[in-house]
Amino acid sequence: MCRNIRTLHNFEPPATHDEVDAAALQYVRKISGASKPSQANTEAFDRAVAAVAEATRELLDGLTSTAPPKDREVEAAKARARAELRYAR
């Protein structure tokens, strides 16, 4: 359920709005226990996703780092290698 929650800080190019929104959606899904809210809860769910996304953007805008920016392709390759080891049978 939380596959889109990834480190978003210190990448070049910076995290996109879509990446931040996907992470916010997954976070709200996880803490609410619902991948799709009922009609009665849709408004509250959507407000929570928007608030988490905004807080995430504010956090990312305020963070600094002295480390060189990470490369998305290199990080994805590392994750695939870890998964290959984990799920190898």
PDB file of N, CA and C in Angstrom:
ATOM      1  N   MET A   1       0.813  -1.189   0.000  1.00  0.00           N
ATOM      2  CA  MET A   1       0.000   0.000   0.000  1.00  0.00           C
ATOM      3  C   MET A   1       0.860   1.258   0.000  1.00  0.00           C
ATOM      4  N   CYS A   2       2.100   1.194   0.432  1.00  0.00           N
ATOM      5  CA  CYS A   2       2.916   2.408   0.569  1.00  0.00           C
ATOM      6  C   CYS A   2       4.059   2.456  -0.422  1.00  0.00           C
ATOM      7  N   ARG A   3       3.888   1.901  -1.576  1.00  0.00           N
ATOM      8  CA  ARG A   3       4.987   1.844  -2.533  1.00  0.00           C
ATOM      9  C   ARG A   3       5.421   3.204  -3.039  1.00  0.00           C
ATOM     10  N   ASN A   4       4.534   4.180  -3.037  1.00  0.00           N
ATOM     11  CA  ASN A   4       4.891   5.501  -3.553  1.00  0.00           C
ATOM     12  C   ASN A   4       5.494   6.413  -2.512  1.00  0.00           C
ATOM     13  N   ILE A   5       5.594   5.949  -1.267  1.00  0.00           N
ATOM     14  CA  ILE A   5       6.238   6.773  -0.256  1.00  0.00           C
ATOM     15  C   ILE A   5       7.730   6.477  -0.337  1.00  0.00           C
ATOM     16  N   ARG A   6       8.441   7.385  -0.939  1.00  0.00           N
ATOM     17  CA  ARG A   6       9.874   7.249  -1.131  1.00  0.00           C
ATOM     18  C   ARG A   6      10.543   8.538  -0.665  1.00  0.00           C
ATOM     19  N   THR A   7      11.844   8.437  -0.482  1.00  0.00           N
ATOM     20  CA  THR A   7      12.602   9.640  -0.162  1.00  0.00           C
ATOM     21  C   THR A   7      12.478  10.597  -1.344  1.00  0.00           C
ATOM     22  N   LEU A   8      12.102  11.816  -1.046  1.00  0.00           N
ATOM     23  CA  LEU A   8      11.916  12.816  -2.107  1.00  0.00           C
ATOM     24  C   LEU A   8      12.924  13.946  -2.012  1.00  0.00           C
ATOM     25  N   HIS A   9      13.709  13.968  -0.955  1.00  0.00           N
ATOM     26  CA  HIS A   9      14.653  15.059  -0.725  1.00  0.00           C
ATOM     27  C   HIS A   9      15.988  14.792  -1.399  1.00  0.00           C
ATOM     28  N   ASN A  10      16.588  15.852  -1.894  1.00  0.00           N
ATOM     29  CA  ASN A  10      17.943  15.861  -2.450  1.00  0.00           C
ATOM     30  C   ASN A  10      18.074  15.042  -3.729  1.00  0.00           C
ATOM     31  N   PHE A  11      17.132  15.239  -4.641  1.00  0.00           N
ATOM     32  CA  PHE A  11      17.218  14.632  -5.961  1.00  0.00           C
ATOM     33  C   PHE A  11      17.351  15.742  -6.987  1.00  0.00           C
ATOM     34  N   GLU A  12      17.999  15.423  -8.075  1.00  0.00           N
ATOM     35  CA  GLU A  12      18.122  16.348  -9.189  1.00  0.00           C
ATOM     36  C   GLU A  12      17.538  15.676 -10.408  1.00  0.00           C
ATOM     37  N   PRO A  13      16.477  16.141 -10.997  1.00  0.00           N
ATOM     38  CA  PRO A  13      15.715  17.331 -10.635  1.00  0.00           C
ATOM     39  C   PRO A  13      14.898  17.074  -9.371  1.00  0.00           C
ATOM     40  N   PRO A  14      14.446  18.150  -8.719  1.00  0.00           N
ATOM     41  CA  PRO A  14      13.685  17.995  -7.476  1.00  0.00           C
ATOM     42  C   PRO A  14      12.394  17.203  -7.690  1.00  0.00           C
ATOM     43  N   ALA A  15      11.830  16.728  -6.598  1.00  0.00           N
ATOM     44  CA  ALA A  15      10.578  15.971  -6.658  1.00  0.00           C
ATOM     45  C   ALA A  15       9.493  16.789  -7.355  1.00  0.00           C
ATOM     46  N   THR A  16       8.722  16.121  -8.178  1.00  0.00           N
ATOM     47  CA  THR A  16       7.646  16.784  -8.904  1.00  0.00           C
ATOM     48  C   THR A  16       6.388  16.841  -8.034  1.00  0.00           C
ATOM     49  N   HIS A  17       5.441  17.658  -8.443  1.00  0.00           N
ATOM     50  CA  HIS A  17       4.158  17.728  -7.723  1.00  0.00           C
ATOM     51  C   HIS A  17       3.466  16.367  -7.763  1.00  0.00           C
ATOM     52  N   ASP A  18       3.595  15.642  -8.875  1.00  0.00           N
ATOM     53  CA  ASP A  18       2.976  14.323  -8.981  1.00  0.00           C
ATOM     54  C   ASP A  18       3.571  13.346  -7.970  1.00  0.00           C
ATOM     55  N   GLU A  19       4.891  13.390  -7.790  1.00  0.00           N
ATOM     56  CA  GLU A  19       5.539  12.508  -6.814  1.00  0.00           C
ATOM     57  C   GLU A  19       5.087  12.837  -5.391  1.00  0.00           C
ATOM     58  N   VAL A  20       5.006  14.117  -5.084  1.00  0.00           N
ATOM     59  CA  VAL A  20       4.562  14.551  -3.756  1.00  0.00           C
ATOM     60  C   VAL A  20       3.105  14.144  -3.545  1.00  0.00           C
ATOM     61  N   ASP A  21       2.262  14.348  -4.544  1.00  0.00           N
ATOM     62  CA  ASP A  21       0.851  13.988  -4.427  1.00  0.00           C
ATOM     63  C   ASP A  21       0.675  12.474  -4.265  1.00  0.00           C
ATOM     64  N   ALA A  22       1.451  11.684  -4.999  1.00  0.00           N
ATOM     65  CA  ALA A  22       1.363  10.224  -4.887  1.00  0.00           C
ATOM     66  C   ALA A  22       1.774   9.766  -3.489  1.00  0.00           C
ATOM     67  N   ALA A  23       2.818  10.349  -2.945  1.00  0.00           N
ATOM     68  CA  ALA A  23       3.256   9.997  -1.594  1.00  0.00           C
ATOM     69  C   ALA A  23       2.208  10.401  -0.564  1.00  0.00           C
ATOM     70  N   ALA A  24       1.603  11.577  -0.729  1.00  0.00           N
ATOM     71  CA  ALA A  24       0.566  12.042   0.196  1.00  0.00           C
ATOM     72  C   ALA A  24      -0.644  11.113   0.149  1.00  0.00           C
ATOM     73  N   LEU A  25      -1.049  10.724  -1.037  1.00  0.00           N
ATOM     74  CA  LEU A  25      -2.178   9.811  -1.190  1.00  0.00           C
ATOM     75  C   LEU A  25      -1.899   8.485  -0.500  1.00  0.00           C
ATOM     76  N   GLN A  26      -0.716   7.930  -0.705  1.00  0.00           N
ATOM     77  CA  GLN A  26      -0.375   6.656  -0.080  1.00  0.00           C
ATOM     78  C   GLN A  26      -0.331   6.780   1.436  1.00  0.00           C
ATOM     79  N   TYR A  27       0.174   7.898   1.938  1.00  0.00           N
ATOM     80  CA  TYR A  27       0.231   8.119   3.384  1.00  0.00           C
ATOM     81  C   TYR A  27      -1.182   8.146   3.968  1.00  0.00           C
ATOM     82  N   VAL A  28      -2.083   8.902   3.350  1.00  0.00           N
ATOM     83  CA  VAL A  28      -3.451   9.006   3.850  1.00  0.00           C
ATOM     84  C   VAL A  28      -4.164   7.659   3.732  1.00  0.00           C
ATOM     85  N   ARG A  29      -3.925   6.936   2.656  1.00  0.00           N
ATOM     86  CA  ARG A  29      -4.503   5.593   2.522  1.00  0.00           C
ATOM     87  C   ARG A  29      -4.040   4.692   3.663  1.00  0.00           C
ATOM     88  N   LYS A  30      -2.770   4.754   3.969  1.00  0.00           N
ATOM     89  CA  LYS A  30      -2.214   3.895   5.009  1.00  0.00           C
ATOM     90  C   LYS A  30      -2.807   4.225   6.373  1.00  0.00           C
ATOM     91  N   ILE A  31      -2.821   5.499   6.748  1.00  0.00           N
ATOM     92  CA  ILE A  31      -3.279   5.826   8.093  1.00  0.00           C
ATOM     93  C   ILE A  31      -4.797   5.722   8.229  1.00  0.00           C
ATOM     94  N   SER A  32      -5.540   5.860   7.109  1.00  0.00           N
ATOM     95  CA  SER A  32      -6.994   5.733   7.188  1.00  0.00           C
ATOM     96  C   SER A  32      -7.438   4.274   7.077  1.00  0.00           C
ATOM     97  N   GLY A  33      -6.574   3.444   6.530  1.00  0.00           N
ATOM     98  CA  GLY A  33      -6.925   2.038   6.339  1.00  0.00           C
ATOM     99  C   GLY A  33      -7.838   1.811   5.151  1.00  0.00           C
ATOM    100  N   ALA A  34      -7.957   2.796   4.285  1.00  0.00           N
ATOM    101  CA  ALA A  34      -8.842   2.674   3.123  1.00  0.00           C
ATOM    102  C   ALA A  34      -8.115   3.112   1.865  1.00  0.00           C
ATOM    103  N   SER A  35      -8.135   2.253   0.859  1.00  0.00           N
ATOM    104  CA  SER A  35      -7.515   2.655  -0.401  1.00  0.00           C
ATOM    105  C   SER A  35      -8.460   3.547  -1.199  1.00  0.00           C
ATOM    106  N   LYS A  36      -9.755   3.404  -0.955  1.00  0.00           N
ATOM    107  CA  LYS A  36     -10.746   4.283  -1.577  1.00  0.00           C
ATOM    108  C   LYS A  36     -11.796   4.578  -0.510  1.00  0.00           C
ATOM    109  N   PRO A  37     -11.948   5.848  -0.149  1.00  0.00           N
ATOM    110  CA  PRO A  37     -12.901   6.173   0.915  1.00  0.00           C
ATOM    111  C   PRO A  37     -14.350   6.034   0.446  1.00  0.00           C
ATOM    112  N   SER A  38     -15.250   5.867   1.404  1.00  0.00           N
ATOM    113  CA  SER A  38     -16.678   5.850   1.083  1.00  0.00           C
ATOM    114  C   SER A  38     -17.095   7.252   0.644  1.00  0.00           C
ATOM    115  N   GLN A  39     -18.273   7.346   0.059  1.00  0.00           N
ATOM    116  CA  GLN A  39     -18.757   8.658  -0.383  1.00  0.00           C
ATOM    117  C   GLN A  39     -18.843   9.627   0.788  1.00  0.00           C
ATOM    118  N   ALA A  40     -19.211   9.117   1.958  1.00  0.00           N
ATOM    119  CA  ALA A  40     -19.341   9.970   3.135  1.00  0.00           C
ATOM    120  C   ALA A  40     -17.993  10.533   3.581  1.00  0.00           C
ATOM    121  N   ASN A  41     -16.915   9.825   3.286  1.00  0.00           N
ATOM    122  CA  ASN A  41     -15.587  10.229   3.744  1.00  0.00           C
ATOM    123  C   ASN A  41     -14.708  10.834   2.665  1.00  0.00           C
ATOM    124  N   THR A  42     -15.197  10.921   1.445  1.00  0.00           N
ATOM    125  CA  THR A  42     -14.378  11.402   0.330  1.00  0.00           C
ATOM    126  C   THR A  42     -13.850  12.815   0.550  1.00  0.00           C
ATOM    127  N   GLU A  43     -14.705  13.705   1.037  1.00  0.00           N
ATOM    128  CA  GLU A  43     -14.277  15.093   1.226  1.00  0.00           C
ATOM    129  C   GLU A  43     -13.157  15.193   2.259  1.00  0.00           C
ATOM    130  N   ALA A  44     -13.313  14.522   3.384  1.00  0.00           N
ATOM    131  CA  ALA A  44     -12.286  14.539   4.431  1.00  0.00           C
ATOM    132  C   ALA A  44     -10.998  13.899   3.925  1.00  0.00           C
ATOM    133  N   PHE A  45     -11.127  12.816   3.184  1.00  0.00           N
ATOM    134  CA  PHE A  45      -9.972  12.104   2.622  1.00  0.00           C
ATOM    135  C   PHE A  45      -9.211  13.027   1.673  1.00  0.00           C
ATOM    136  N   ASP A  46      -9.922  13.678   0.764  1.00  0.00           N
ATOM    137  CA  ASP A  46      -9.284  14.572  -0.211  1.00  0.00           C
ATOM    138  C   ASP A  46      -8.620  15.772   0.477  1.00  0.00           C
ATOM    139  N   ARG A  47      -9.281  16.316   1.502  1.00  0.00           N
ATOM    140  CA  ARG A  47      -8.673  17.424   2.254  1.00  0.00           C
ATOM    141  C   ARG A  47      -7.387  16.967   2.931  1.00  0.00           C
ATOM    142  N   ALA A  48      -7.392  15.768   3.471  1.00  0.00           N
ATOM    143  CA  ALA A  48      -6.193  15.245   4.140  1.00  0.00           C
ATOM    144  C   ALA A  48      -5.057  15.049   3.146  1.00  0.00           C
ATOM    145  N   VAL A  49      -5.361  14.527   1.970  1.00  0.00           N
ATOM    146  CA  VAL A  49      -4.330  14.337   0.939  1.00  0.00           C
ATOM    147  C   VAL A  49      -3.730  15.690   0.552  1.00  0.00           C
ATOM    148  N   ALA A  50      -4.578  16.686   0.358  1.00  0.00           N
ATOM    149  CA  ALA A  50      -4.092  18.026  -0.020  1.00  0.00           C
ATOM    150  C   ALA A  50      -3.237  18.622   1.094  1.00  0.00           C
ATOM    151  N   ALA A  51      -3.644  18.452   2.341  1.00  0.00           N
ATOM    152  CA  ALA A  51      -2.882  19.008   3.471  1.00  0.00           C
ATOM    153  C   ALA A  51      -1.533  18.320   3.619  1.00  0.00           C
ATOM    154  N   VAL A  52      -1.505  17.002   3.467  1.00  0.00           N
ATOM    155  CA  VAL A  52      -0.239  16.269   3.572  1.00  0.00           C
ATOM    156  C   VAL A  52       0.681  16.654   2.419  1.00  0.00           C
ATOM    157  N   ALA A  53       0.134  16.794   1.223  1.00  0.00           N
ATOM    158  CA  ALA A  53       0.955  17.189   0.070  1.00  0.00           C
ATOM    159  C   ALA A  53       1.542  18.579   0.286  1.00  0.00           C
ATOM    160  N   GLU A  54       0.745  19.504   0.783  1.00  0.00           N
ATOM    161  CA  GLU A  54       1.233  20.864   1.037  1.00  0.00           C
ATOM    162  C   GLU A  54       2.316  20.860   2.110  1.00  0.00           C
ATOM    163  N   ALA A  55       2.102  20.117   3.188  1.00  0.00           N
ATOM    164  CA  ALA A  55       3.109  20.029   4.254  1.00  0.00           C
ATOM    165  C   ALA A  55       4.399  19.400   3.723  1.00  0.00           C
ATOM    166  N   THR A  56       4.268  18.431   2.840  1.00  0.00           N
ATOM    167  CA  THR A  56       5.445  17.780   2.251  1.00  0.00           C
ATOM    168  C   THR A  56       6.220  18.758   1.374  1.00  0.00           C
ATOM    169  N   ARG A  57       5.504  19.520   0.556  1.00  0.00           N
ATOM    170  CA  ARG A  57       6.177  20.514  -0.292  1.00  0.00           C
ATOM    171  C   ARG A  57       6.889  21.560   0.566  1.00  0.00           C
ATOM    172  N   GLU A  58       6.219  22.003   1.630  1.00  0.00           N
ATOM    173  CA  GLU A  58       6.824  22.985   2.531  1.00  0.00           C
ATOM    174  C   GLU A  58       8.086  22.416   3.183  1.00  0.00           C
ATOM    175  N   LEU A  59       8.017  21.172   3.595  1.00  0.00           N
ATOM    176  CA  LEU A  59       9.192  20.523   4.193  1.00  0.00           C
ATOM    177  C   LEU A  59      10.326  20.430   3.182  1.00  0.00           C
ATOM    178  N   LEU A  60      10.039  19.929   1.990  1.00  0.00           N
ATOM    179  CA  LEU A  60      11.084  19.772   0.975  1.00  0.00           C
ATOM    180  C   LEU A  60      11.699  21.106   0.588  1.00  0.00           C
ATOM    181  N   ASP A  61      10.881  22.152   0.532  1.00  0.00           N
ATOM    182  CA  ASP A  61      11.395  23.484   0.201  1.00  0.00           C
ATOM    183  C   ASP A  61      12.314  24.022   1.289  1.00  0.00           C
ATOM    184  N   GLY A  62      12.094  23.612   2.524  1.00  0.00           N
ATOM    185  CA  GLY A  62      12.882  24.126   3.642  1.00  0.00           C
ATOM    186  C   GLY A  62      14.128  23.332   3.964  1.00  0.00           C
ATOM    187  N   LEU A  63      14.230  22.102   3.458  1.00  0.00           N
ATOM    188  CA  LEU A  63      15.395  21.268   3.758  1.00  0.00           C
ATOM    189  C   LEU A  63      16.601  21.683   2.928  1.00  0.00           C
ATOM    190  N   THR A  64      17.777  21.549   3.523  1.00  0.00           N
ATOM    191  CA  THR A  64      19.027  21.774   2.807  1.00  0.00           C
ATOM    192  C   THR A  64      19.916  20.561   2.987  1.00  0.00           C
ATOM    193  N   SER A  65      20.887  20.425   2.125  1.00  0.00           N
ATOM    194  CA  SER A  65      21.806  19.300   2.210  1.00  0.00           C
ATOM    195  C   SER A  65      23.163  19.697   1.651  1.00  0.00           C
ATOM    196  N   THR A  66      24.209  19.179   2.272  1.00  0.00           N
ATOM    197  CA  THR A  66      25.550  19.401   1.746  1.00  0.00           C
ATOM    198  C   THR A  66      25.980  18.243   0.857  1.00  0.00           C
ATOM    199  N   ALA A  67      25.194  17.156   0.866  1.00  0.00           N
ATOM    200  CA  ALA A  67      25.498  15.999   0.025  1.00  0.00           C
ATOM    201  C   ALA A  67      25.132  16.315  -1.420  1.00  0.00           C
ATOM    202  N   PRO A  68      25.840  15.712  -2.355  1.00  0.00           N
ATOM    203  CA  PRO A  68      25.476  15.937  -3.758  1.00  0.00           C
ATOM    204  C   PRO A  68      24.099  15.330  -4.035  1.00  0.00           C
ATOM    205  N   PRO A  69      23.333  15.922  -4.949  1.00  0.00           N
ATOM    206  CA  PRO A  69      22.005  15.385  -5.261  1.00  0.00           C
ATOM    207  C   PRO A  69      22.095  13.952  -5.786  1.00  0.00           C
ATOM    208  N   LYS A  70      21.081  13.165  -5.436  1.00  0.00           N
ATOM    209  CA  LYS A  70      21.021  11.774  -5.886  1.00  0.00           C
ATOM    210  C   LYS A  70      20.429  11.719  -7.289  1.00  0.00           C
ATOM    211  N   ASP A  71      20.792  10.659  -7.995  1.00  0.00           N
ATOM    212  CA  ASP A  71      20.297  10.408  -9.340  1.00  0.00           C
ATOM    213  C   ASP A  71      19.165   9.379  -9.247  1.00  0.00           C
ATOM    214  N   ARG A  72      18.013   9.680  -9.823  1.00  0.00           N
ATOM    215  CA  ARG A  72      16.853   8.788  -9.731  1.00  0.00           C
ATOM    216  C   ARG A  72      17.129   7.413 -10.336  1.00  0.00           C
ATOM    217  N   GLU A  73      17.814   7.392 -11.449  1.00  0.00           N
ATOM    218  CA  GLU A  73      18.076   6.114 -12.112  1.00  0.00           C
ATOM    219  C   GLU A  73      19.000   5.231 -11.271  1.00  0.00           C
ATOM    220  N   VAL A  74      20.014   5.826 -10.668  1.00  0.00           N
ATOM    221  CA  VAL A  74      20.934   5.069  -9.822  1.00  0.00           C
ATOM    222  C   VAL A  74      20.199   4.524  -8.603  1.00  0.00           C
ATOM    223  N   GLU A  75      19.370   5.351  -7.982  1.00  0.00           N
ATOM    224  CA  GLU A  75      18.608   4.909  -6.805  1.00  0.00           C
ATOM    225  C   GLU A  75      17.617   3.807  -7.179  1.00  0.00           C
ATOM    226  N   ALA A  76      16.986   3.907  -8.344  1.00  0.00           N
ATOM    227  CA  ALA A  76      16.054   2.878  -8.797  1.00  0.00           C
ATOM    228  C   ALA A  76      16.781   1.564  -9.048  1.00  0.00           C
ATOM    229  N   ALA A  77      17.982   1.625  -9.616  1.00  0.00           N
ATOM    230  CA  ALA A  77      18.770   0.421  -9.853  1.00  0.00           C
ATOM    231  C   ALA A  77      19.157  -0.244  -8.527  1.00  0.00           C
ATOM    232  N   LYS A  78      19.520   0.555  -7.543  1.00  0.00           N
ATOM    233  CA  LYS A  78      19.839   0.007  -6.214  1.00  0.00           C
ATOM    234  C   LYS A  78      18.622  -0.689  -5.609  1.00  0.00           C
ATOM    235  N   ALA A  79      17.451  -0.081  -5.745  1.00  0.00           N
ATOM    236  CA  ALA A  79      16.223  -0.667  -5.204  1.00  0.00           C
ATOM    237  C   ALA A  79      15.892  -1.979  -5.914  1.00  0.00           C
ATOM    238  N   ARG A  80      16.071  -2.024  -7.229  1.00  0.00           N
ATOM    239  CA  ARG A  80      15.823  -3.261  -7.962  1.00  0.00           C
ATOM    240  C   ARG A  80      16.779  -4.357  -7.515  1.00  0.00           C
ATOM    241  N   ALA A  81      18.043  -4.004  -7.287  1.00  0.00           N
ATOM    242  CA  ALA A  81      19.022  -4.992  -6.833  1.00  0.00           C
ATOM    243  C   ALA A  81      18.648  -5.520  -5.449  1.00  0.00           C
ATOM    244  N   ARG A  82      18.212  -4.643  -4.544  1.00  0.00           N
ATOM    245  CA  ARG A  82      17.774  -5.082  -3.211  1.00  0.00           C
ATOM    246  C   ARG A  82      16.565  -6.008  -3.320  1.00  0.00           C
ATOM    247  N   ALA A  83      15.624  -5.660  -4.176  1.00  0.00           N
ATOM    248  CA  ALA A  83      14.424  -6.481  -4.347  1.00  0.00           C
ATOM    249  C   ALA A  83      14.768  -7.839  -4.945  1.00  0.00           C
ATOM    250  N   GLU A  84      15.696  -7.848  -5.868  1.00  0.00           N
ATOM    251  CA  GLU A  84      16.119  -9.106  -6.482  1.00  0.00           C
ATOM    252  C   GLU A  84      16.710 -10.044  -5.430  1.00  0.00           C
ATOM    253  N   LEU A  85      17.533  -9.508  -4.556  1.00  0.00           N
ATOM    254  CA  LEU A  85      18.095 -10.322  -3.473  1.00  0.00           C
ATOM    255  C   LEU A  85      17.007 -10.777  -2.506  1.00  0.00           C
ATOM    256  N   ARG A  86      16.117  -9.879  -2.168  1.00  0.00           N
ATOM    257  CA  ARG A  86      15.056 -10.187  -1.189  1.00  0.00           C
ATOM    258  C   ARG A  86      14.110 -11.245  -1.688  1.00  0.00           C
ATOM    259  N   TYR A  87      13.743 -11.175  -2.983  1.00  0.00           N
ATOM    260  CA  TYR A  87      12.721 -12.069  -3.508  1.00  0.00           C
ATOM    261  C   TYR A  87      13.280 -13.232  -4.331  1.00  0.00           C
ATOM    262  N   ALA A  88      14.581 -13.375  -4.378  1.00  0.00           N
ATOM    263  CA  ALA A  88      15.196 -14.481  -5.117  1.00  0.00           C
ATOM    264  C   ALA A  88      14.850 -15.801  -4.432  1.00  0.00           C
ATOM    265  N   ARG A  89      14.501 -16.767  -5.221  1.00  0.00           N
ATOM    266  CA  ARG A  89      14.151 -18.099  -4.643  1.00  0.00           C
ATOM    267  C   ARG A  89      14.833 -19.189  -5.383  1.00  0.00           C
TER     268      ARG A  89
END
